[in-house]
Amino acid sequence: MAIGRERIIDEALLLLNEVGIDKLSTRKLAERLGVQQPALYWHFRNKSQLLDAINSEMLLRYHDVRVPKPGQEWVSFTLSNARSVRKALLSVRDGARLTAGTRPSVTDFADTEKVLQLYVDAGFSTKEAFGIAICVTRYVVGYVLEEQGEQERERIEQNGAKVDFDAELAPLPLLTEALETFRQVGTVNTEYVFESGLGYLVSGLQDALRRKQSN
């Protein structure tokens, strides 16, 4: 029985959300679809190609701010783009690990060209523009890796003994005070920390551009 590429990707995304990236396999996917593994090889020669396709679909579905709007200022785009990438990665189980280990598509390259043009038009060199695009993306991916790693640990340890962090932090007054600012329902306020880091990154870029333009 012939099976379409779109259905394979749809079911692969559902399977990824159920079992996680480590347990996702072409064998399990074939079983889910009710076909033999060779039926998948018409579209994907191996798991790596399948993951590339899943990543592209994830970004297509959930990453809304891929390119700047006409006339959009670079700082505004950088902030919106980073938030959009994070939202996309958090929309799928192991989304950060998925995107970190896959290759960009032709569409991704075309979008990157438009992003680079925005930074070049703002006054950055082509090399600097590419560095900014990579830096922002890797900040987001690395941040979400930590977020989803914590989520996975909580999933595994949900029935385990709870750690008394207050007791562990009692001898450490500065760390205790700092974490009180971030705490939210017993954990770190990840939204606040993400936005703070993103703000530091953009502020540094603005300072670099001002220095460049004043020379």
N, C-alpha and C. Protein backbone atom coordinates (compact mmCIF):
# COMPACT_ATOMS: atom_id res chain seq x y z
N MET A 1 0.85 -1.20 0.00
CA MET A 1 0.00 0.00 0.00
C MET A 1 0.88 1.24 0.00
N ALA A 2 0.63 2.14 -0.96
CA ALA A 2 1.40 3.37 -1.03
C ALA A 2 0.98 4.31 0.10
N ILE A 3 1.96 5.00 0.62
CA ILE A 3 1.67 5.93 1.72
C ILE A 3 2.35 7.26 1.42
N GLY A 4 1.63 8.37 1.64
CA GLY A 4 2.14 9.67 1.28
C GLY A 4 3.13 10.24 2.28
N ARG A 5 4.00 11.10 1.77
CA ARG A 5 5.02 11.73 2.60
C ARG A 5 4.39 12.56 3.72
N GLU A 6 3.34 13.30 3.41
CA GLU A 6 2.73 14.17 4.42
C GLU A 6 2.17 13.37 5.59
N ARG A 7 1.53 12.23 5.28
CA ARG A 7 0.99 11.42 6.37
C ARG A 7 2.10 10.84 7.23
N ILE A 8 3.19 10.45 6.60
CA ILE A 8 4.33 9.92 7.37
C ILE A 8 4.83 10.97 8.35
N ILE A 9 4.99 12.20 7.89
CA ILE A 9 5.50 13.27 8.75
C ILE A 9 4.50 13.58 9.87
N ASP A 10 3.22 13.62 9.54
CA ASP A 10 2.19 13.88 10.55
C ASP A 10 2.26 12.84 11.66
N GLU A 11 2.32 11.58 11.27
CA GLU A 11 2.36 10.50 12.27
C GLU A 11 3.69 10.49 13.02
N ALA A 12 4.76 10.87 12.34
CA ALA A 12 6.06 10.92 13.01
C ALA A 12 6.07 11.98 14.10
N LEU A 13 5.43 13.12 13.84
CA LEU A 13 5.33 14.17 14.86
C LEU A 13 4.53 13.69 16.06
N LEU A 14 3.44 13.00 15.80
CA LEU A 14 2.63 12.46 16.90
C LEU A 14 3.44 11.44 17.71
N LEU A 15 4.17 10.59 17.01
CA LEU A 15 4.99 9.58 17.69
C LEU A 15 6.09 10.24 18.50
N LEU A 16 6.72 11.27 17.94
CA LEU A 16 7.76 12.00 18.67
C LEU A 16 7.22 12.55 19.97
N ASN A 17 6.04 13.13 19.93
CA ASN A 17 5.44 13.69 21.15
C ASN A 17 5.11 12.61 22.16
N GLU A 18 4.87 11.40 21.71
CA GLU A 18 4.52 10.31 22.62
C GLU A 18 5.75 9.67 23.26
N VAL A 19 6.79 9.42 22.46
CA VAL A 19 7.90 8.61 22.96
C VAL A 19 9.21 9.38 23.11
N GLY A 20 9.34 10.55 22.51
CA GLY A 20 10.59 11.30 22.58
C GLY A 20 11.54 10.90 21.47
N ILE A 21 12.55 11.72 21.23
CA ILE A 21 13.44 11.52 20.08
C ILE A 21 14.30 10.26 20.20
N ASP A 22 14.67 9.86 21.43
CA ASP A 22 15.52 8.68 21.59
C ASP A 22 14.80 7.40 21.21
N LYS A 23 13.50 7.34 21.44
CA LYS A 23 12.74 6.12 21.16
C LYS A 23 12.00 6.18 19.84
N LEU A 24 12.11 7.28 19.13
CA LEU A 24 11.51 7.37 17.81
C LEU A 24 12.33 6.54 16.83
N SER A 25 11.70 5.65 16.11
CA SER A 25 12.39 4.80 15.14
C SER A 25 11.50 4.58 13.92
N THR A 26 12.13 4.25 12.80
CA THR A 26 11.35 3.96 11.59
C THR A 26 10.53 2.69 11.79
N ARG A 27 11.02 1.78 12.62
CA ARG A 27 10.25 0.55 12.89
C ARG A 27 8.94 0.88 13.60
N LYS A 28 9.04 1.70 14.66
CA LYS A 28 7.83 2.07 15.39
C LYS A 28 6.89 2.89 14.52
N LEU A 29 7.46 3.75 13.68
CA LEU A 29 6.63 4.57 12.81
C LEU A 29 5.90 3.69 11.80
N ALA A 30 6.61 2.72 11.23
CA ALA A 30 5.98 1.81 10.27
C ALA A 30 4.85 1.03 10.92
N GLU A 31 5.07 0.56 12.15
CA GLU A 31 4.02 -0.16 12.87
C GLU A 31 2.81 0.72 13.10
N ARG A 32 3.06 1.96 13.43
CA ARG A 32 1.96 2.91 13.69
C ARG A 32 1.14 3.14 12.42
N LEU A 33 1.83 3.18 11.30
CA LEU A 33 1.18 3.43 10.02
C LEU A 33 0.57 2.17 9.40
N GLY A 34 0.92 1.01 9.97
CA GLY A 34 0.41 -0.25 9.44
C GLY A 34 1.06 -0.67 8.13
N VAL A 35 2.35 -0.32 7.98
CA VAL A 35 3.08 -0.69 6.77
C VAL A 35 4.41 -1.33 7.16
N GLN A 36 5.10 -1.87 6.17
CA GLN A 36 6.44 -2.40 6.37
C GLN A 36 7.46 -1.26 6.27
N GLN A 37 8.59 -1.40 6.97
CA GLN A 37 9.60 -0.34 6.96
C GLN A 37 10.02 0.09 5.55
N PRO A 38 10.20 -0.84 4.61
CA PRO A 38 10.62 -0.41 3.27
C PRO A 38 9.68 0.60 2.63
N ALA A 39 8.41 0.63 3.05
CA ALA A 39 7.46 1.60 2.49
C ALA A 39 7.88 3.03 2.83
N LEU A 40 8.59 3.20 3.96
CA LEU A 40 9.05 4.53 4.36
C LEU A 40 10.26 4.98 3.54
N TYR A 41 11.02 4.00 3.03
CA TYR A 41 12.26 4.33 2.35
C TYR A 41 12.03 4.96 0.97
N TRP A 42 10.82 4.91 0.47
CA TRP A 42 10.51 5.62 -0.76
C TRP A 42 10.66 7.14 -0.55
N HIS A 43 10.43 7.56 0.68
CA HIS A 43 10.46 9.00 1.00
C HIS A 43 11.69 9.39 1.83
N PHE A 44 12.13 8.49 2.72
CA PHE A 44 13.25 8.80 3.62
C PHE A 44 14.20 7.60 3.66
N ARG A 45 15.44 7.81 3.27
CA ARG A 45 16.39 6.70 3.21
C ARG A 45 16.79 6.22 4.60
N ASN A 46 16.72 7.11 5.59
CA ASN A 46 17.14 6.75 6.94
C ASN A 46 16.46 7.66 7.96
N LYS A 47 16.73 7.43 9.23
CA LYS A 47 16.11 8.21 10.30
C LYS A 47 16.54 9.68 10.23
N SER A 48 17.79 9.93 9.82
CA SER A 48 18.26 11.31 9.76
C SER A 48 17.43 12.13 8.79
N GLN A 49 17.12 11.58 7.63
CA GLN A 49 16.29 12.30 6.67
C GLN A 49 14.88 12.50 7.21
N LEU A 50 14.38 11.52 7.93
CA LEU A 50 13.05 11.65 8.54
C LEU A 50 13.05 12.79 9.57
N LEU A 51 14.09 12.85 10.39
CA LEU A 51 14.17 13.91 11.39
C LEU A 51 14.30 15.28 10.74
N ASP A 52 15.03 15.36 9.63
CA ASP A 52 15.11 16.63 8.89
C ASP A 52 13.72 17.10 8.48
N ALA A 53 12.92 16.16 7.99
CA ALA A 53 11.57 16.49 7.52
C ALA A 53 10.66 16.87 8.68
N ILE A 54 10.80 16.17 9.81
CA ILE A 54 9.99 16.49 10.98
C ILE A 54 10.33 17.89 11.48
N ASN A 55 11.63 18.21 11.50
CA ASN A 55 12.06 19.53 11.95
C ASN A 55 11.50 20.63 11.05
N SER A 56 11.58 20.42 9.75
CA SER A 56 11.05 21.41 8.81
C SER A 56 9.55 21.61 9.03
N GLU A 57 8.83 20.52 9.27
CA GLU A 57 7.39 20.62 9.49
C GLU A 57 7.09 21.33 10.81
N MET A 58 7.87 21.03 11.84
CA MET A 58 7.69 21.70 13.13
C MET A 58 7.84 23.21 12.98
N LEU A 59 8.89 23.63 12.29
CA LEU A 59 9.13 25.07 12.11
C LEU A 59 8.06 25.70 11.22
N LEU A 60 7.62 24.95 10.22
CA LEU A 60 6.57 25.47 9.33
C LEU A 60 5.28 25.70 10.10
N ARG A 61 4.96 24.80 11.02
CA ARG A 61 3.70 24.88 11.76
C ARG A 61 3.74 25.92 12.88
N TYR A 62 4.87 26.00 13.58
CA TYR A 62 4.88 26.74 14.83
C TYR A 62 5.78 27.98 14.86
N HIS A 63 6.69 28.11 13.90
CA HIS A 63 7.61 29.26 13.87
C HIS A 63 7.00 30.34 12.98
N ASP A 64 6.41 31.35 13.58
CA ASP A 64 5.62 32.34 12.84
C ASP A 64 6.44 33.51 12.32
N VAL A 65 7.56 33.83 12.98
CA VAL A 65 8.33 35.02 12.60
C VAL A 65 9.65 34.57 11.98
N ARG A 66 9.57 34.12 10.75
CA ARG A 66 10.74 33.57 10.08
C ARG A 66 11.55 34.65 9.36
N VAL A 67 10.87 35.65 8.82
CA VAL A 67 11.54 36.72 8.07
C VAL A 67 10.98 38.07 8.52
N PRO A 68 11.74 39.14 8.35
CA PRO A 68 11.25 40.47 8.76
C PRO A 68 10.11 40.95 7.87
N LYS A 69 9.21 41.71 8.48
CA LYS A 69 8.15 42.35 7.71
C LYS A 69 8.73 43.56 6.98
N PRO A 70 8.10 44.00 5.90
CA PRO A 70 8.61 45.19 5.19
C PRO A 70 8.73 46.39 6.13
N GLY A 71 9.92 46.97 6.18
CA GLY A 71 10.16 48.13 7.01
C GLY A 71 10.40 47.84 8.48
N GLN A 72 10.41 46.57 8.87
CA GLN A 72 10.61 46.24 10.28
C GLN A 72 12.04 46.55 10.71
N GLU A 73 12.18 47.11 11.90
CA GLU A 73 13.50 47.47 12.45
C GLU A 73 14.17 46.20 12.99
N TRP A 74 15.50 46.15 12.88
CA TRP A 74 16.21 44.91 13.18
C TRP A 74 16.08 44.45 14.62
N VAL A 75 16.03 45.37 15.58
CA VAL A 75 15.90 44.97 16.99
C VAL A 75 14.54 44.30 17.21
N SER A 76 13.50 44.92 16.67
CA SER A 76 12.16 44.36 16.80
C SER A 76 12.08 42.96 16.21
N PHE A 77 12.69 42.79 15.03
CA PHE A 77 12.67 41.47 14.40
C PHE A 77 13.46 40.45 15.21
N THR A 78 14.63 40.84 15.69
CA THR A 78 15.46 39.91 16.46
C THR A 78 14.72 39.38 17.68
N LEU A 79 14.07 40.26 18.39
CA LEU A 79 13.31 39.85 19.58
C LEU A 79 12.15 38.94 19.19
N SER A 80 11.39 39.34 18.19
CA SER A 80 10.22 38.56 17.78
C SER A 80 10.63 37.20 17.21
N ASN A 81 11.69 37.20 16.43
CA ASN A 81 12.18 35.96 15.83
C ASN A 81 12.64 34.96 16.90
N ALA A 82 13.40 35.45 17.87
CA ALA A 82 13.89 34.58 18.94
C ALA A 82 12.73 33.99 19.74
N ARG A 83 11.75 34.80 20.05
CA ARG A 83 10.58 34.31 20.79
C ARG A 83 9.80 33.29 19.97
N SER A 84 9.73 33.53 18.67
CA SER A 84 9.00 32.61 17.81
C SER A 84 9.71 31.27 17.70
N VAL A 85 11.04 31.29 17.59
CA VAL A 85 11.80 30.03 17.55
C VAL A 85 11.57 29.25 18.84
N ARG A 86 11.64 29.94 19.96
CA ARG A 86 11.45 29.26 21.25
C ARG A 86 10.06 28.63 21.33
N LYS A 87 9.06 29.38 20.90
CA LYS A 87 7.69 28.86 20.93
C LYS A 87 7.58 27.59 20.08
N ALA A 88 8.21 27.61 18.92
CA ALA A 88 8.17 26.45 18.03
C ALA A 88 8.83 25.24 18.66
N LEU A 89 10.00 25.44 19.25
CA LEU A 89 10.74 24.32 19.84
C LEU A 89 9.99 23.74 21.04
N LEU A 90 9.34 24.60 21.80
CA LEU A 90 8.59 24.13 22.96
C LEU A 90 7.27 23.47 22.57
N SER A 91 6.87 23.62 21.31
CA SER A 91 5.59 23.05 20.87
C SER A 91 5.69 21.55 20.61
N VAL A 92 6.90 21.03 20.54
CA VAL A 92 7.12 19.62 20.23
C VAL A 92 8.07 19.02 21.26
N ARG A 93 7.78 17.83 21.72
CA ARG A 93 8.67 17.16 22.67
C ARG A 93 10.05 17.01 22.04
N ASP A 94 11.08 17.37 22.79
CA ASP A 94 12.47 17.31 22.32
C ASP A 94 12.69 18.19 21.09
N GLY A 95 11.91 19.27 20.98
CA GLY A 95 12.03 20.13 19.82
C GLY A 95 13.41 20.73 19.65
N ALA A 96 14.06 21.11 20.75
CA ALA A 96 15.40 21.70 20.66
C ALA A 96 16.43 20.67 20.19
N ARG A 97 16.34 19.46 20.71
CA ARG A 97 17.26 18.41 20.28
C ARG A 97 17.02 18.07 18.81
N LEU A 98 15.78 18.10 18.40
CA LEU A 98 15.44 17.81 17.01
C LEU A 98 16.10 18.82 16.08
N THR A 99 15.92 20.11 16.37
CA THR A 99 16.43 21.13 15.46
C THR A 99 17.95 21.25 15.54
N ALA A 100 18.54 20.91 16.70
CA ALA A 100 20.00 21.00 16.84
C ALA A 100 20.71 19.95 16.01
N GLY A 101 20.05 18.83 15.73
CA GLY A 101 20.72 17.74 15.03
C GLY A 101 20.30 17.56 13.59
N THR A 102 19.57 18.53 13.03
CA THR A 102 19.07 18.37 11.67
C THR A 102 19.64 19.44 10.73
N ARG A 103 19.49 19.19 9.44
CA ARG A 103 20.01 20.11 8.43
C ARG A 103 18.91 21.06 7.98
N PRO A 104 19.27 22.32 7.70
CA PRO A 104 18.27 23.27 7.20
C PRO A 104 17.75 22.86 5.83
N SER A 105 16.54 23.29 5.52
CA SER A 105 15.95 23.03 4.21
C SER A 105 16.27 24.19 3.26
N VAL A 106 15.90 24.03 2.00
CA VAL A 106 16.08 25.11 1.02
C VAL A 106 15.29 26.35 1.45
N THR A 107 14.11 26.13 2.00
CA THR A 107 13.29 27.24 2.50
C THR A 107 14.00 27.98 3.62
N ASP A 108 14.65 27.22 4.51
CA ASP A 108 15.39 27.85 5.61
C ASP A 108 16.51 28.74 5.08
N PHE A 109 17.20 28.28 4.05
CA PHE A 109 18.29 29.08 3.47
C PHE A 109 17.75 30.38 2.87
N ALA A 110 16.61 30.28 2.18
CA ALA A 110 16.01 31.47 1.57
C ALA A 110 15.59 32.47 2.64
N ASP A 111 15.05 31.97 3.75
CA ASP A 111 14.65 32.86 4.85
C ASP A 111 15.87 33.52 5.47
N THR A 112 16.95 32.75 5.63
CA THR A 112 18.17 33.30 6.21
C THR A 112 18.73 34.43 5.35
N GLU A 113 18.62 34.30 4.05
CA GLU A 113 19.10 35.36 3.14
C GLU A 113 18.38 36.68 3.45
N LYS A 114 17.07 36.61 3.68
CA LYS A 114 16.30 37.82 3.99
C LYS A 114 16.68 38.40 5.35
N VAL A 115 16.96 37.52 6.30
CA VAL A 115 17.38 37.99 7.63
C VAL A 115 18.74 38.67 7.54
N LEU A 116 19.66 38.08 6.80
CA LEU A 116 20.98 38.69 6.63
C LEU A 116 20.86 40.07 5.99
N GLN A 117 19.97 40.20 5.02
CA GLN A 117 19.79 41.50 4.35
C GLN A 117 19.34 42.56 5.34
N LEU A 118 18.48 42.17 6.27
CA LEU A 118 18.00 43.11 7.29
C LEU A 118 19.17 43.65 8.12
N TYR A 119 20.06 42.75 8.56
CA TYR A 119 21.18 43.18 9.39
C TYR A 119 22.20 43.99 8.59
N VAL A 120 22.41 43.60 7.34
CA VAL A 120 23.33 44.36 6.49
C VAL A 120 22.80 45.76 6.25
N ASP A 121 21.51 45.87 5.99
CA ASP A 121 20.89 47.19 5.79
C ASP A 121 20.99 48.07 7.04
N ALA A 122 21.04 47.41 8.22
CA ALA A 122 21.14 48.16 9.48
C ALA A 122 22.55 48.68 9.72
N GLY A 123 23.54 48.14 8.98
CA GLY A 123 24.91 48.63 9.14
C GLY A 123 25.93 47.57 9.50
N PHE A 124 25.49 46.34 9.71
CA PHE A 124 26.43 45.25 10.01
C PHE A 124 27.03 44.73 8.71
N SER A 125 28.23 44.17 8.80
CA SER A 125 28.83 43.53 7.63
C SER A 125 28.13 42.19 7.39
N THR A 126 28.36 41.60 6.24
CA THR A 126 27.77 40.29 5.94
C THR A 126 28.23 39.25 6.96
N LYS A 127 29.52 39.30 7.29
CA LYS A 127 30.06 38.35 8.27
C LYS A 127 29.41 38.57 9.63
N GLU A 128 29.26 39.82 10.03
CA GLU A 128 28.62 40.13 11.32
C GLU A 128 27.16 39.70 11.31
N ALA A 129 26.48 39.94 10.21
CA ALA A 129 25.06 39.58 10.10
C ALA A 129 24.88 38.07 10.27
N PHE A 130 25.75 37.29 9.63
CA PHE A 130 25.67 35.83 9.75
C PHE A 130 25.95 35.40 11.19
N GLY A 131 26.93 36.05 11.82
CA GLY A 131 27.24 35.73 13.21
C GLY A 131 26.07 36.02 14.13
N ILE A 132 25.38 37.13 13.88
CA ILE A 132 24.20 37.48 14.69
C ILE A 132 23.12 36.43 14.54
N ALA A 133 22.83 36.05 13.30
CA ALA A 133 21.78 35.05 13.05
C ALA A 133 22.09 33.73 13.75
N ILE A 134 23.35 33.30 13.67
CA ILE A 134 23.75 32.06 14.33
C ILE A 134 23.68 32.20 15.84
N CYS A 135 24.17 33.32 16.35
CA CYS A 135 24.21 33.55 17.80
C CYS A 135 22.81 33.53 18.40
N VAL A 136 21.89 34.24 17.78
CA VAL A 136 20.52 34.30 18.30
C VAL A 136 19.88 32.91 18.29
N THR A 137 20.02 32.21 17.18
CA THR A 137 19.43 30.88 17.06
C THR A 137 20.00 29.93 18.10
N ARG A 138 21.32 29.97 18.28
CA ARG A 138 21.94 29.03 19.22
C ARG A 138 21.64 29.40 20.67
N TYR A 139 21.45 30.68 20.93
CA TYR A 139 21.01 31.07 22.28
C TYR A 139 19.67 30.43 22.57
N VAL A 140 18.74 30.54 21.62
CA VAL A 140 17.40 30.01 21.83
C VAL A 140 17.43 28.49 21.94
N VAL A 141 18.12 27.83 21.02
CA VAL A 141 18.17 26.37 21.04
C VAL A 141 18.79 25.87 22.34
N GLY A 142 19.90 26.48 22.74
CA GLY A 142 20.54 26.08 23.99
C GLY A 142 19.64 26.30 25.19
N TYR A 143 18.92 27.41 25.19
CA TYR A 143 18.03 27.70 26.31
C TYR A 143 16.91 26.67 26.38
N VAL A 144 16.32 26.36 25.23
CA VAL A 144 15.21 25.40 25.23
C VAL A 144 15.71 23.98 25.53
N LEU A 145 16.94 23.67 25.14
CA LEU A 145 17.52 22.38 25.53
C LEU A 145 17.47 22.20 27.04
N GLU A 146 17.84 23.25 27.77
CA GLU A 146 17.80 23.20 29.23
C GLU A 146 16.36 23.08 29.73
N GLU A 147 15.44 23.86 29.15
CA GLU A 147 14.04 23.81 29.56
C GLU A 147 13.46 22.41 29.35
N GLN A 148 13.68 21.86 28.17
CA GLN A 148 13.09 20.56 27.87
C GLN A 148 13.82 19.43 28.60
N GLY A 149 15.10 19.64 28.88
CA GLY A 149 15.81 18.66 29.69
C GLY A 149 15.22 18.58 31.08
N GLU A 150 14.86 19.74 31.65
CA GLU A 150 14.23 19.76 32.97
C GLU A 150 12.84 19.13 32.91
N GLN A 151 12.12 19.39 31.83
CA GLN A 151 10.79 18.79 31.67
C GLN A 151 10.88 17.27 31.60
N GLU A 152 11.88 16.77 30.87
CA GLU A 152 12.05 15.33 30.73
C GLU A 152 12.43 14.70 32.06
N ARG A 153 13.27 15.39 32.82
CA ARG A 153 13.65 14.86 34.12
C ARG A 153 12.44 14.80 35.05
N GLU A 154 11.61 15.84 35.01
CA GLU A 154 10.41 15.85 35.83
C GLU A 154 9.45 14.74 35.42
N ARG A 155 9.41 14.45 34.11
CA ARG A 155 8.56 13.38 33.62
C ARG A 155 9.03 12.03 34.17
N ILE A 156 10.36 11.84 34.20
CA ILE A 156 10.93 10.59 34.68
C ILE A 156 10.80 10.46 36.19
N GLU A 157 10.98 11.59 36.90
CA GLU A 157 11.03 11.54 38.37
C GLU A 157 9.73 11.99 39.03
N GLN A 158 8.64 12.01 38.28
CA GLN A 158 7.40 12.56 38.83
C GLN A 158 6.90 11.80 40.06
N ASN A 159 7.28 10.54 40.18
CA ASN A 159 6.86 9.76 41.34
C ASN A 159 7.99 9.58 42.36
N GLY A 160 9.10 10.25 42.12
CA GLY A 160 10.24 10.11 43.02
C GLY A 160 10.18 11.08 44.19
N ALA A 161 11.20 10.98 45.05
CA ALA A 161 11.26 11.85 46.23
C ALA A 161 11.56 13.28 45.80
N LYS A 162 10.93 14.24 46.45
CA LYS A 162 11.15 15.64 46.15
C LYS A 162 12.40 16.16 46.87
N VAL A 163 13.13 17.03 46.17
CA VAL A 163 14.35 17.60 46.75
C VAL A 163 13.99 18.86 47.53
N ASP A 164 14.54 18.99 48.74
CA ASP A 164 14.30 20.16 49.57
C ASP A 164 15.36 21.21 49.23
N PHE A 165 15.07 22.05 48.21
CA PHE A 165 16.05 23.04 47.77
C PHE A 165 16.28 24.11 48.83
N ASP A 166 15.26 24.43 49.61
CA ASP A 166 15.43 25.45 50.64
C ASP A 166 16.51 25.04 51.63
N ALA A 167 16.51 23.79 52.02
CA ALA A 167 17.52 23.29 52.94
C ALA A 167 18.91 23.30 52.31
N GLU A 168 18.98 22.92 51.04
CA GLU A 168 20.27 22.88 50.36
C GLU A 168 20.86 24.28 50.16
N LEU A 169 19.98 25.27 49.95
CA LEU A 169 20.44 26.64 49.69
C LEU A 169 20.63 27.47 50.95
N ALA A 170 20.21 26.96 52.08
CA ALA A 170 20.27 27.72 53.33
C ALA A 170 21.64 28.32 53.61
N PRO A 171 22.76 27.62 53.36
CA PRO A 171 24.08 28.22 53.63
C PRO A 171 24.54 29.20 52.55
N LEU A 172 23.72 29.44 51.53
CA LEU A 172 24.15 30.24 50.37
C LEU A 172 23.22 31.43 50.20
N PRO A 173 23.46 32.51 50.95
CA PRO A 173 22.50 33.63 50.98
C PRO A 173 22.34 34.36 49.65
N LEU A 174 23.42 34.54 48.89
CA LEU A 174 23.30 35.26 47.62
C LEU A 174 22.49 34.45 46.61
N LEU A 175 22.76 33.16 46.53
CA LEU A 175 22.02 32.30 45.61
C LEU A 175 20.56 32.21 46.03
N THR A 176 20.32 32.14 47.33
CA THR A 176 18.94 32.10 47.82
C THR A 176 18.18 33.36 47.43
N GLU A 177 18.81 34.52 47.61
CA GLU A 177 18.17 35.78 47.26
C GLU A 177 17.92 35.87 45.76
N ALA A 178 18.89 35.42 44.96
CA ALA A 178 18.75 35.49 43.51
C ALA A 178 17.61 34.60 43.03
N LEU A 179 17.53 33.41 43.56
CA LEU A 179 16.49 32.48 43.11
C LEU A 179 15.10 32.88 43.57
N GLU A 180 15.01 33.62 44.64
CA GLU A 180 13.71 34.11 45.08
C GLU A 180 13.09 35.02 44.02
N THR A 181 13.95 35.73 43.29
CA THR A 181 13.47 36.61 42.22
C THR A 181 12.89 35.81 41.06
N PHE A 182 13.47 34.62 40.82
CA PHE A 182 13.10 33.84 39.64
C PHE A 182 12.04 32.78 39.91
N ARG A 183 11.82 32.45 41.16
CA ARG A 183 10.97 31.31 41.45
C ARG A 183 9.54 31.49 40.98
N GLN A 184 9.00 30.40 40.51
CA GLN A 184 7.60 30.40 40.07
C GLN A 184 7.08 28.97 40.23
N VAL A 185 6.20 28.78 41.16
CA VAL A 185 5.65 27.46 41.46
C VAL A 185 6.77 26.45 41.71
N GLY A 186 7.71 26.84 42.52
CA GLY A 186 8.76 25.92 42.93
C GLY A 186 9.91 25.75 41.96
N THR A 187 9.91 26.48 40.85
CA THR A 187 11.01 26.34 39.90
C THR A 187 11.44 27.72 39.42
N VAL A 188 12.40 27.75 38.50
CA VAL A 188 12.89 29.02 37.98
C VAL A 188 11.88 29.60 36.99
N ASN A 189 11.67 30.90 37.05
CA ASN A 189 10.80 31.59 36.11
C ASN A 189 11.53 31.68 34.77
N THR A 190 11.33 30.68 33.92
CA THR A 190 12.10 30.60 32.69
C THR A 190 11.79 31.72 31.72
N GLU A 191 10.58 32.25 31.75
CA GLU A 191 10.24 33.37 30.87
C GLU A 191 11.11 34.59 31.20
N TYR A 192 11.22 34.89 32.49
CA TYR A 192 12.01 36.05 32.92
C TYR A 192 13.47 35.88 32.54
N VAL A 193 14.01 34.69 32.79
CA VAL A 193 15.42 34.46 32.51
C VAL A 193 15.68 34.51 31.00
N PHE A 194 14.79 33.92 30.21
CA PHE A 194 14.95 33.96 28.76
C PHE A 194 14.94 35.38 28.24
N GLU A 195 13.97 36.17 28.67
CA GLU A 195 13.86 37.54 28.20
C GLU A 195 15.05 38.38 28.66
N SER A 196 15.54 38.13 29.86
CA SER A 196 16.71 38.87 30.34
C SER A 196 17.93 38.58 29.46
N GLY A 197 18.17 37.31 29.20
CA GLY A 197 19.32 36.94 28.36
C GLY A 197 19.20 37.49 26.96
N LEU A 198 18.00 37.43 26.41
CA LEU A 198 17.78 37.97 25.07
C LEU A 198 18.01 39.48 25.05
N GLY A 199 17.58 40.15 26.12
CA GLY A 199 17.80 41.58 26.22
C GLY A 199 19.28 41.93 26.29
N TYR A 200 20.04 41.16 27.06
CA TYR A 200 21.49 41.39 27.13
C TYR A 200 22.12 41.23 25.76
N LEU A 201 21.70 40.20 25.03
CA LEU A 201 22.27 39.92 23.73
C LEU A 201 22.01 41.08 22.76
N VAL A 202 20.76 41.52 22.71
CA VAL A 202 20.40 42.60 21.78
C VAL A 202 21.07 43.91 22.18
N SER A 203 21.15 44.19 23.49
CA SER A 203 21.83 45.41 23.94
C SER A 203 23.29 45.42 23.51
N GLY A 204 23.93 44.26 23.60
CA GLY A 204 25.32 44.16 23.17
C GLY A 204 25.47 44.42 21.67
N LEU A 205 24.52 43.91 20.89
CA LEU A 205 24.56 44.15 19.46
C LEU A 205 24.35 45.63 19.13
N GLN A 206 23.44 46.27 19.85
CA GLN A 206 23.21 47.70 19.64
C GLN A 206 24.46 48.51 19.95
N ASP A 207 25.12 48.17 21.06
CA ASP A 207 26.36 48.87 21.43
C ASP A 207 27.43 48.67 20.37
N ALA A 208 27.54 47.44 19.87
CA ALA A 208 28.55 47.15 18.84
C ALA A 208 28.29 47.94 17.58
N LEU A 209 27.02 48.05 17.21
CA LEU A 209 26.67 48.81 16.00
C LEU A 209 26.94 50.29 16.17
N ARG A 210 26.65 50.83 17.37
CA ARG A 210 26.91 52.25 17.63
C ARG A 210 28.41 52.53 17.53
N ARG A 211 29.22 51.66 18.11
CA ARG A 211 30.67 51.85 18.05
C ARG A 211 31.17 51.77 16.60
N LYS A 212 30.61 50.86 15.86
CA LYS A 212 31.00 50.68 14.46
C LYS A 212 30.66 51.92 13.65
N GLN A 213 29.51 52.49 13.88
CA GLN A 213 29.05 53.65 13.13
C GLN A 213 29.74 54.95 13.54
N SER A 214 30.28 54.98 14.78
CA SER A 214 30.95 56.19 15.25
C SER A 214 32.41 56.26 14.82
N ASN A 215 32.94 55.16 14.33
CA ASN A 215 34.36 55.12 13.90
C ASN A 215 34.51 55.63 12.46
